[in-house]
C-alpha cells in the first residue's frame, strides 16, 4: 500500500468515526427530547435548541437527571453543565 493510499484509508476511518459519534449524539438528543416531552408535555423551542446544541457529555448528564427532574429548570440547572467531581 502506498503512502497516499494509507493516508486516504486513515482519512476514511477518521470520517467514519466522526460520523458514528455524531450519530450517537443525535440519537441521545432525540431520546432526551422524547423523554422530556412524555414527562413535561410540549417543550419550549429554547429547550429543544439547548438539547440540540449540547455536547455529548452534557446530554449524558441531562439523561441521568430525567427521572429525578421535577422541572426543566432543574434538569438544566447550571450544576448540570459544569464538570462532575471525579469526572
PDB file of N, CA and C in Angstrom:
ATOM      1  N   UNK A   1       0.857  -1.175   0.000  1.00  0.00           N
ATOM      2  CA  UNK A   1       0.000   0.000   0.000  1.00  0.00           C
ATOM      3  C   UNK A   1       0.902   1.236   0.000  1.00  0.00           C
ATOM      4  N   UNK A   2       0.577   2.183  -0.858  1.00  0.00           N
ATOM      5  CA  UNK A   2       1.376   3.399  -0.941  1.00  0.00           C
ATOM      6  C   UNK A   2       1.025   4.338   0.213  1.00  0.00           C
ATOM      7  N   UNK A   3       1.868   5.329   0.407  1.00  0.00           N
ATOM      8  CA  UNK A   3       1.622   6.324   1.460  1.00  0.00           C
ATOM      9  C   UNK A   3       0.308   7.047   1.197  1.00  0.00           C
ATOM     10  N   UNK A   4       0.059   7.387  -0.056  1.00  0.00           N
ATOM     11  CA  UNK A   4      -1.186   8.080  -0.403  1.00  0.00           C
ATOM     12  C   UNK A   4      -2.397   7.212  -0.062  1.00  0.00           C
ATOM     13  N   UNK A   5      -2.303   5.916  -0.349  1.00  0.00           N
ATOM     14  CA  UNK A   5      -3.408   5.006  -0.036  1.00  0.00           C
ATOM     15  C   UNK A   5      -3.610   4.877   1.474  1.00  0.00           C
ATOM     16  N   UNK A   6      -2.504   4.833   2.218  1.00  0.00           N
ATOM     17  CA  UNK A   6      -2.597   4.759   3.680  1.00  0.00           C
ATOM     18  C   UNK A   6      -3.255   6.008   4.250  1.00  0.00           C
ATOM     19  N   UNK A   7      -2.841   7.169   3.740  1.00  0.00           N
ATOM     20  CA  UNK A   7      -3.430   8.427   4.212  1.00  0.00           C
ATOM     21  C   UNK A   7      -4.918   8.489   3.872  1.00  0.00           C
ATOM     22  N   UNK A   8      -5.256   8.037   2.685  1.00  0.00           N
ATOM     23  CA  UNK A   8      -6.660   8.015   2.281  1.00  0.00           C
ATOM     24  C   UNK A   8      -7.453   7.096   3.207  1.00  0.00           C
ATOM     25  N   UNK A   9      -6.911   5.932   3.505  1.00  0.00           N
ATOM     26  CA  UNK A   9      -7.583   4.979   4.391  1.00  0.00           C
ATOM     27  C   UNK A   9      -7.755   5.564   5.795  1.00  0.00           C
ATOM     28  N   UNK A  10      -6.715   6.243   6.285  1.00  0.00           N
ATOM     29  CA  UNK A  10      -6.804   6.875   7.607  1.00  0.00           C
ATOM     30  C   UNK A  10      -7.889   7.946   7.615  1.00  0.00           C
ATOM     31  N   UNK A  11      -7.952   8.723   6.542  1.00  0.00           N
ATOM     32  CA  UNK A  11      -8.977   9.761   6.436  1.00  0.00           C
ATOM     33  C   UNK A  11     -10.377   9.171   6.431  1.00  0.00           C
ATOM     34  N   UNK A  12     -10.538   8.072   5.708  1.00  0.00           N
ATOM     35  CA  UNK A  12     -11.839   7.400   5.682  1.00  0.00           C
ATOM     36  C   UNK A  12     -12.221   6.888   7.064  1.00  0.00           C
ATOM     37  N   UNK A  13     -11.270   6.311   7.775  1.00  0.00           N
ATOM     38  CA  UNK A  13     -11.526   5.796   9.123  1.00  0.00           C
ATOM     39  C   UNK A  13     -11.913   6.925  10.073  1.00  0.00           C
ATOM     40  N   UNK A  14     -11.182   8.036   9.994  1.00  0.00           N
ATOM     41  CA  UNK A  14     -11.494   9.173  10.865  1.00  0.00           C
ATOM     42  C   UNK A  14     -12.882   9.723  10.562  1.00  0.00           C
ATOM     43  N   UNK A  15     -13.207   9.811   9.279  1.00  0.00           N
ATOM     44  CA  UNK A  15     -14.531  10.294   8.887  1.00  0.00           C
ATOM     45  C   UNK A  15     -15.632   9.376   9.389  1.00  0.00           C
ATOM     46  N   UNK A  16     -15.396   8.081   9.302  1.00  0.00           N
ATOM     47  CA  UNK A  16     -16.372   7.109   9.788  1.00  0.00           C
ATOM     48  C   UNK A  16     -16.573   7.246  11.291  1.00  0.00           C
ATOM     49  N   UNK A  17     -15.485   7.378  12.035  1.00  0.00           N
ATOM     50  CA  UNK A  17     -15.582   7.525  13.491  1.00  0.00           C
ATOM     51  C   UNK A  17     -16.338   8.799  13.869  1.00  0.00           C
ATOM     52  N   UNK A  18     -16.040   9.900  13.169  1.00  0.00           N
ATOM     53  CA  UNK A  18     -16.735  11.153  13.459  1.00  0.00           C
ATOM     54  C   UNK A  18     -18.224  11.028  13.157  1.00  0.00           C
ATOM     55  N   UNK A  19     -18.548  10.357  12.057  1.00  0.00           N
ATOM     56  CA  UNK A  19     -19.948  10.156  11.695  1.00  0.00           C
ATOM     57  C   UNK A  19     -20.689   9.323  12.727  1.00  0.00           C
ATOM     58  N   UNK A  20     -20.034   8.278  13.219  1.00  0.00           N
ATOM     59  CA  UNK A  20     -20.651   7.436  14.245  1.00  0.00           C
ATOM     60  C   UNK A  20     -20.888   8.222  15.529  1.00  0.00           C
ATOM     61  N   UNK A  21     -19.909   9.036  15.929  1.00  0.00           N
ATOM     62  CA  UNK A  21     -20.045   9.844  17.143  1.00  0.00           C
ATOM     63  C   UNK A  21     -21.188  10.843  16.996  1.00  0.00           C
ATOM     64  N   UNK A  22     -21.262  11.489  15.840  1.00  0.00           N
ATOM     65  CA  UNK A  22     -22.342  12.447  15.609  1.00  0.00           C
ATOM     66  C   UNK A  22     -23.698  11.751  15.627  1.00  0.00           C
ATOM     67  N   UNK A  23     -23.751  10.542  15.073  1.00  0.00           N
ATOM     68  CA  UNK A  23     -24.994   9.775  15.082  1.00  0.00           C
ATOM     69  C   UNK A  23     -25.428   9.417  16.494  1.00  0.00           C
ATOM     70  N   UNK A  24     -24.476   9.008  17.325  1.00  0.00           N
ATOM     71  CA  UNK A  24     -24.800   8.677  18.720  1.00  0.00           C
ATOM     72  C   UNK A  24     -25.287   9.917  19.461  1.00  0.00           C
ATOM     73  N   UNK A  25     -24.638  11.044  19.211  1.00  0.00           N
ATOM     74  CA  UNK A  25     -25.030  12.280  19.886  1.00  0.00           C
ATOM     75  C   UNK A  25     -26.438  12.695  19.452  1.00  0.00           C
ATOM     76  N   UNK A  26     -26.721  12.616  18.171  1.00  0.00           N
ATOM     77  CA  UNK A  26     -28.054  12.977  17.680  1.00  0.00           C
ATOM     78  C   UNK A  26     -29.110  12.031  18.241  1.00  0.00           C
ATOM     79  N   UNK A  27     -28.786  10.754  18.314  1.00  0.00           N
ATOM     80  CA  UNK A  27     -29.719   9.772  18.870  1.00  0.00           C
ATOM     81  C   UNK A  27     -30.041  10.080  20.331  1.00  0.00           C
ATOM     82  N   UNK A  28     -29.032  10.445  21.102  1.00  0.00           N
ATOM     83  CA  UNK A  28     -29.250  10.789  22.510  1.00  0.00           C
ATOM     84  C   UNK A  28     -30.113  12.042  22.642  1.00  0.00           C
ATOM     85  N   UNK A  29     -29.856  13.024  21.788  1.00  0.00           N
ATOM     86  CA  UNK A  29     -30.645  14.256  21.829  1.00  0.00           C
ATOM     87  C   UNK A  29     -32.110  13.957  21.515  1.00  0.00           C
ATOM     88  N   UNK A  30     -32.350  13.134  20.503  1.00  0.00           N
ATOM     89  CA  UNK A  30     -33.724  12.786  20.142  1.00  0.00           C
ATOM     90  C   UNK A  30     -34.410  12.012  21.265  1.00  0.00           C
ATOM     91  N   UNK A  31     -33.689  11.102  21.890  1.00  0.00           N
ATOM     92  CA  UNK A  31     -34.247  10.332  23.003  1.00  0.00           C
ATOM     93  C   UNK A  31     -34.592  11.251  24.176  1.00  0.00           C
ATOM     94  N   UNK A  32     -33.706  12.182  24.481  1.00  0.00           N
ATOM     95  CA  UNK A  32     -33.947  13.107  25.585  1.00  0.00           C
ATOM     96  C   UNK A  32     -35.173  13.973  25.313  1.00  0.00           C
ATOM     97  N   UNK A  33     -35.301  14.482  24.092  1.00  0.00           N
ATOM     98  CA  UNK A  33     -36.477  15.284  23.741  1.00  0.00           C
ATOM     99  C   UNK A  33     -37.742  14.447  23.912  1.00  0.00           C
ATOM    100  N   UNK A  34     -37.706  13.202  23.478  1.00  0.00           N
ATOM    101  CA  UNK A  34     -38.879  12.327  23.609  1.00  0.00           C
ATOM    102  C   UNK A  34     -39.225  12.087  25.075  1.00  0.00           C
ATOM    103  N   UNK A  35     -38.225  11.782  25.894  1.00  0.00           N
ATOM    104  CA  UNK A  35     -38.471  11.535  27.314  1.00  0.00           C
ATOM    105  C   UNK A  35     -39.037  12.772  28.000  1.00  0.00           C
ATOM    106  N   UNK A  36     -38.447  13.922  27.716  1.00  0.00           N
ATOM    107  CA  UNK A  36     -38.912  15.157  28.353  1.00  0.00           C
ATOM    108  C   UNK A  36     -40.321  15.525  27.897  1.00  0.00           C
ATOM    109  N   UNK A  37     -40.627  15.280  26.636  1.00  0.00           N
ATOM    110  CA  UNK A  37     -41.970  15.559  26.126  1.00  0.00           C
ATOM    111  C   UNK A  37     -42.993  14.666  26.812  1.00  0.00           C
ATOM    112  N   UNK A  38     -42.649  13.405  27.006  1.00  0.00           N
ATOM    113  CA  UNK A  38     -43.559  12.499  27.711  1.00  0.00           C
ATOM    114  C   UNK A  38     -43.754  12.924  29.161  1.00  0.00           C
ATOM    115  N   UNK A  39     -42.703  13.448  29.774  1.00  0.00           N
ATOM    116  CA  UNK A  39     -42.772  13.815  31.188  1.00  0.00           C
ATOM    117  C   UNK A  39     -43.403  15.189  31.415  1.00  0.00           C
ATOM    118  N   UNK A  40     -43.050  16.172  30.569  1.00  0.00           N
ATOM    119  CA  UNK A  40     -43.468  17.556  30.817  1.00  0.00           C
ATOM    120  C   UNK A  40     -44.421  18.127  29.765  1.00  0.00           C
ATOM    121  N   UNK A  41     -44.694  17.393  28.706  1.00  0.00           N
ATOM    122  CA  UNK A  41     -45.525  17.925  27.631  1.00  0.00           C
ATOM    123  C   UNK A  41     -44.660  18.635  26.596  1.00  0.00           C
ATOM    124  N   UNK A  42     -45.310  19.397  25.739  1.00  0.00           N
ATOM    125  CA  UNK A  42     -44.601  20.093  24.667  1.00  0.00           C
ATOM    126  C   UNK A  42     -43.485  20.960  25.236  1.00  0.00           C
ATOM    127  N   UNK A  43     -42.302  20.815  24.651  1.00  0.00           N
ATOM    128  CA  UNK A  43     -41.133  21.549  25.140  1.00  0.00           C
ATOM    129  C   UNK A  43     -41.024  22.910  24.466  1.00  0.00           C
ATOM    130  N   UNK A  44     -40.584  23.919  25.207  1.00  0.00           N
ATOM    131  CA  UNK A  44     -40.342  25.224  24.600  1.00  0.00           C
ATOM    132  C   UNK A  44     -39.224  25.104  23.557  1.00  0.00           C
ATOM    133  N   UNK A  45     -39.304  25.882  22.481  1.00  0.00           N
ATOM    134  CA  UNK A  45     -38.260  25.830  21.454  1.00  0.00           C
ATOM    135  C   UNK A  45     -36.851  26.051  22.013  1.00  0.00           C
ATOM    136  N   UNK A  46     -36.723  26.905  23.022  1.00  0.00           N
ATOM    137  CA  UNK A  46     -35.400  27.156  23.612  1.00  0.00           C
ATOM    138  C   UNK A  46     -34.838  25.896  24.262  1.00  0.00           C
ATOM    139  N   UNK A  47     -35.707  25.095  24.832  1.00  0.00           N
ATOM    140  CA  UNK A  47     -35.283  23.843  25.464  1.00  0.00           C
ATOM    141  C   UNK A  47     -34.773  22.865  24.405  1.00  0.00           C
ATOM    142  N   UNK A  48     -35.520  22.735  23.323  1.00  0.00           N
ATOM    143  CA  UNK A  48     -35.111  21.840  22.236  1.00  0.00           C
ATOM    144  C   UNK A  48     -33.790  22.321  21.639  1.00  0.00           C
ATOM    145  N   UNK A  49     -33.653  23.624  21.458  1.00  0.00           N
ATOM    146  CA  UNK A  49     -32.414  24.176  20.909  1.00  0.00           C
ATOM    147  C   UNK A  49     -31.237  23.891  21.834  1.00  0.00           C
ATOM    148  N   UNK A  50     -31.470  23.997  23.124  1.00  0.00           N
ATOM    149  CA  UNK A  50     -30.395  23.724  24.087  1.00  0.00           C
ATOM    150  C   UNK A  50     -29.955  22.268  24.001  1.00  0.00           C
ATOM    151  N   UNK A  51     -30.904  21.374  23.878  1.00  0.00           N
ATOM    152  CA  UNK A  51     -30.584  19.953  23.759  1.00  0.00           C
ATOM    153  C   UNK A  51     -29.825  19.693  22.463  1.00  0.00           C
ATOM    154  N   UNK A  52     -30.302  20.271  21.371  1.00  0.00           N
ATOM    155  CA  UNK A  52     -29.672  20.043  20.073  1.00  0.00           C
ATOM    156  C   UNK A  52     -28.255  20.598  20.001  1.00  0.00           C
ATOM    157  N   UNK A  53     -27.951  21.614  20.799  1.00  0.00           N
ATOM    158  CA  UNK A  53     -26.608  22.199  20.771  1.00  0.00           C
ATOM    159  C   UNK A  53     -25.710  21.669  21.890  1.00  0.00           C
ATOM    160  N   UNK A  54     -26.238  20.775  22.714  1.00  0.00           N
ATOM    161  CA  UNK A  54     -25.466  20.237  23.842  1.00  0.00           C
ATOM    162  C   UNK A  54     -24.360  19.303  23.363  1.00  0.00           C
ATOM    163  N   UNK A  55     -23.307  19.254  24.146  1.00  0.00           N
ATOM    164  CA  UNK A  55     -22.233  18.304  23.869  1.00  0.00           C
ATOM    165  C   UNK A  55     -22.684  16.906  24.283  1.00  0.00           C
ATOM    166  N   UNK A  56     -21.942  15.919  23.866  1.00  0.00           N
ATOM    167  CA  UNK A  56     -22.243  14.531  24.232  1.00  0.00           C
ATOM    168  C   UNK A  56     -22.262  14.385  25.753  1.00  0.00           C
ATOM    169  N   UNK A  57     -21.290  14.993  26.420  1.00  0.00           N
ATOM    170  CA  UNK A  57     -21.192  14.897  27.880  1.00  0.00           C
ATOM    171  C   UNK A  57     -22.378  15.576  28.562  1.00  0.00           C
ATOM    172  N   UNK A  58     -22.790  16.730  28.058  1.00  0.00           N
ATOM    173  CA  UNK A  58     -23.957  17.407  28.624  1.00  0.00           C
ATOM    174  C   UNK A  58     -25.210  16.553  28.449  1.00  0.00           C
ATOM    175  N   UNK A  59     -25.369  15.962  27.273  1.00  0.00           N
ATOM    176  CA  UNK A  59     -26.528  15.099  27.038  1.00  0.00           C
ATOM    177  C   UNK A  59     -26.557  13.943  28.025  1.00  0.00           C
ATOM    178  N   UNK A  60     -25.408  13.362  28.289  1.00  0.00           N
ATOM    179  CA  UNK A  60     -25.337  12.260  29.250  1.00  0.00           C
ATOM    180  C   UNK A  60     -25.802  12.718  30.632  1.00  0.00           C
ATOM    181  N   UNK A  61     -25.374  13.914  31.053  1.00  0.00           N
ATOM    182  CA  UNK A  61     -25.794  14.425  32.363  1.00  0.00           C
ATOM    183  C   UNK A  61     -27.294  14.703  32.385  1.00  0.00           C
ATOM    184  N   UNK A  62     -27.820  15.274  31.309  1.00  0.00           N
ATOM    185  CA  UNK A  62     -29.260  15.543  31.253  1.00  0.00           C
ATOM    186  C   UNK A  62     -30.048  14.237  31.323  1.00  0.00           C
ATOM    187  N   UNK A  63     -29.605  13.235  30.575  1.00  0.00           N
ATOM    188  CA  UNK A  63     -30.292  11.941  30.564  1.00  0.00           C
ATOM    189  C   UNK A  63     -30.295  11.328  31.957  1.00  0.00           C
ATOM    190  N   UNK A  64     -29.189  11.467  32.680  1.00  0.00           N
ATOM    191  CA  UNK A  64     -29.109  10.934  34.043  1.00  0.00           C
ATOM    192  C   UNK A  64     -30.114  11.609  34.972  1.00  0.00           C
ATOM    193  N   UNK A  65     -30.460  12.861  34.686  1.00  0.00           N
ATOM    194  CA  UNK A  65     -31.339  13.623  35.576  1.00  0.00           C
ATOM    195  C   UNK A  65     -32.818  13.529  35.211  1.00  0.00           C
ATOM    196  N   UNK A  66     -33.144  12.926  34.076  1.00  0.00           N
ATOM    197  CA  UNK A  66     -34.537  12.905  33.617  1.00  0.00           C
ATOM    198  C   UNK A  66     -35.482  12.328  34.663  1.00  0.00           C
ATOM    199  N   UNK A  67     -35.133  11.217  35.245  1.00  0.00           N
ATOM    200  CA  UNK A  67     -36.049  10.549  36.180  1.00  0.00           C
ATOM    201  C   UNK A  67     -36.280  11.333  37.461  1.00  0.00           C
ATOM    202  N   UNK A  68     -35.299  12.104  37.890  1.00  0.00           N
ATOM    203  CA  UNK A  68     -35.442  12.832  39.151  1.00  0.00           C
ATOM    204  C   UNK A  68     -35.811  14.302  38.963  1.00  0.00           C
ATOM    205  N   UNK A  69     -35.779  14.778  37.733  1.00  0.00           N
ATOM    206  CA  UNK A  69     -36.075  16.192  37.479  1.00  0.00           C
ATOM    207  C   UNK A  69     -37.544  16.480  37.730  1.00  0.00           C
ATOM    208  N   UNK A  70     -37.802  17.487  38.552  1.00  0.00           N
ATOM    209  CA  UNK A  70     -39.174  17.907  38.819  1.00  0.00           C
ATOM    210  C   UNK A  70     -39.602  19.019  37.875  1.00  0.00           C
ATOM    211  N   UNK A  71     -38.624  19.583  37.161  1.00  0.00           N
ATOM    212  CA  UNK A  71     -38.910  20.649  36.213  1.00  0.00           C
ATOM    213  C   UNK A  71     -37.775  20.719  35.196  1.00  0.00           C
ATOM    214  N   UNK A  72     -38.042  21.412  34.096  1.00  0.00           N
ATOM    215  CA  UNK A  72     -36.987  21.616  33.102  1.00  0.00           C
ATOM    216  C   UNK A  72     -35.870  22.470  33.688  1.00  0.00           C
ATOM    217  N   UNK A  73     -36.240  23.413  34.544  1.00  0.00           N
ATOM    218  CA  UNK A  73     -35.234  24.263  35.170  1.00  0.00           C
ATOM    219  C   UNK A  73     -34.258  23.426  35.987  1.00  0.00           C
ATOM    220  N   UNK A  74     -34.779  22.453  36.712  1.00  0.00           N
ATOM    221  CA  UNK A  74     -33.917  21.569  37.499  1.00  0.00           C
ATOM    222  C   UNK A  74     -33.013  20.756  36.585  1.00  0.00           C
ATOM    223  N   UNK A  75     -33.585  20.228  35.513  1.00  0.00           N
ATOM    224  CA  UNK A  75     -32.809  19.407  34.590  1.00  0.00           C
ATOM    225  C   UNK A  75     -31.628  20.189  34.021  1.00  0.00           C
ATOM    226  N   UNK A  76     -31.886  21.444  33.664  1.00  0.00           N
ATOM    227  CA  UNK A  76     -30.852  22.265  33.038  1.00  0.00           C
ATOM    228  C   UNK A  76     -30.136  23.185  34.024  1.00  0.00           C
ATOM    229  N   UNK A  77     -30.244  22.914  35.311  1.00  0.00           N
ATOM    230  CA  UNK A  77     -29.571  23.747  36.316  1.00  0.00           C
ATOM    231  C   UNK A  77     -28.095  23.872  35.974  1.00  0.00           C
ATOM    232  N   UNK A  78     -27.518  25.015  36.284  1.00  0.00           N
ATOM    233  CA  UNK A  78     -26.116  25.283  35.949  1.00  0.00           C
ATOM    234  C   UNK A  78     -25.183  24.170  36.390  1.00  0.00           C
ATOM    235  N   UNK A  79     -25.483  23.559  37.516  1.00  0.00           N
ATOM    236  CA  UNK A  79     -24.616  22.491  38.016  1.00  0.00           C
ATOM    237  C   UNK A  79     -24.509  21.352  37.013  1.00  0.00           C
ATOM    238  N   UNK A  80     -25.542  21.148  36.195  1.00  0.00           N
ATOM    239  CA  UNK A  80     -25.500  20.048  35.229  1.00  0.00           C
ATOM    240  C   UNK A  80     -24.559  20.344  34.076  1.00  0.00           C
ATOM    241  N   UNK A  81     -24.204  21.614  33.885  1.00  0.00           N
ATOM    242  CA  UNK A  81     -23.302  21.961  32.794  1.00  0.00           C
ATOM    243  C   UNK A  81     -21.856  22.078  33.234  1.00  0.00           C
ATOM    244  N   UNK A  82     -21.604  21.948  34.516  1.00  0.00           N
ATOM    245  CA  UNK A  82     -20.224  22.001  34.989  1.00  0.00           C
ATOM    246  C   UNK A  82     -19.736  20.579  35.219  1.00  0.00           C
ATOM    247  N   UNK A  83     -18.443  20.371  35.124  1.00  0.00           N
ATOM    248  CA  UNK A  83     -17.921  19.013  35.296  1.00  0.00           C
ATOM    249  C   UNK A  83     -18.289  18.434  36.653  1.00  0.00           C
ATOM    250  N   UNK A  84     -18.585  17.140  36.661  1.00  0.00           N
ATOM    251  CA  UNK A  84     -18.906  16.460  37.909  1.00  0.00           C
ATOM    252  C   UNK A  84     -17.626  16.154  38.662  1.00  0.00           C
ATOM    253  N   UNK A  85     -17.657  16.193  39.981  1.00  0.00           N
ATOM    254  CA  UNK A  85     -16.467  15.843  40.752  1.00  0.00           C
ATOM    255  C   UNK A  85     -16.028  14.423  40.408  1.00  0.00           C
ATOM    256  N   UNK A  86     -14.742  14.267  40.208  1.00  0.00           N
ATOM    257  CA  UNK A  86     -14.192  12.959  39.901  1.00  0.00           C
ATOM    258  C   UNK A  86     -14.356  12.553  38.455  1.00  0.00           C
ATOM    259  N   UNK A  87     -14.970  13.418  37.635  1.00  0.00           N
ATOM    260  CA  UNK A  87     -15.166  13.065  36.219  1.00  0.00           C
ATOM    261  C   UNK A  87     -14.011  13.550  35.388  1.00  0.00           C
TER     262      UNK A  87
END
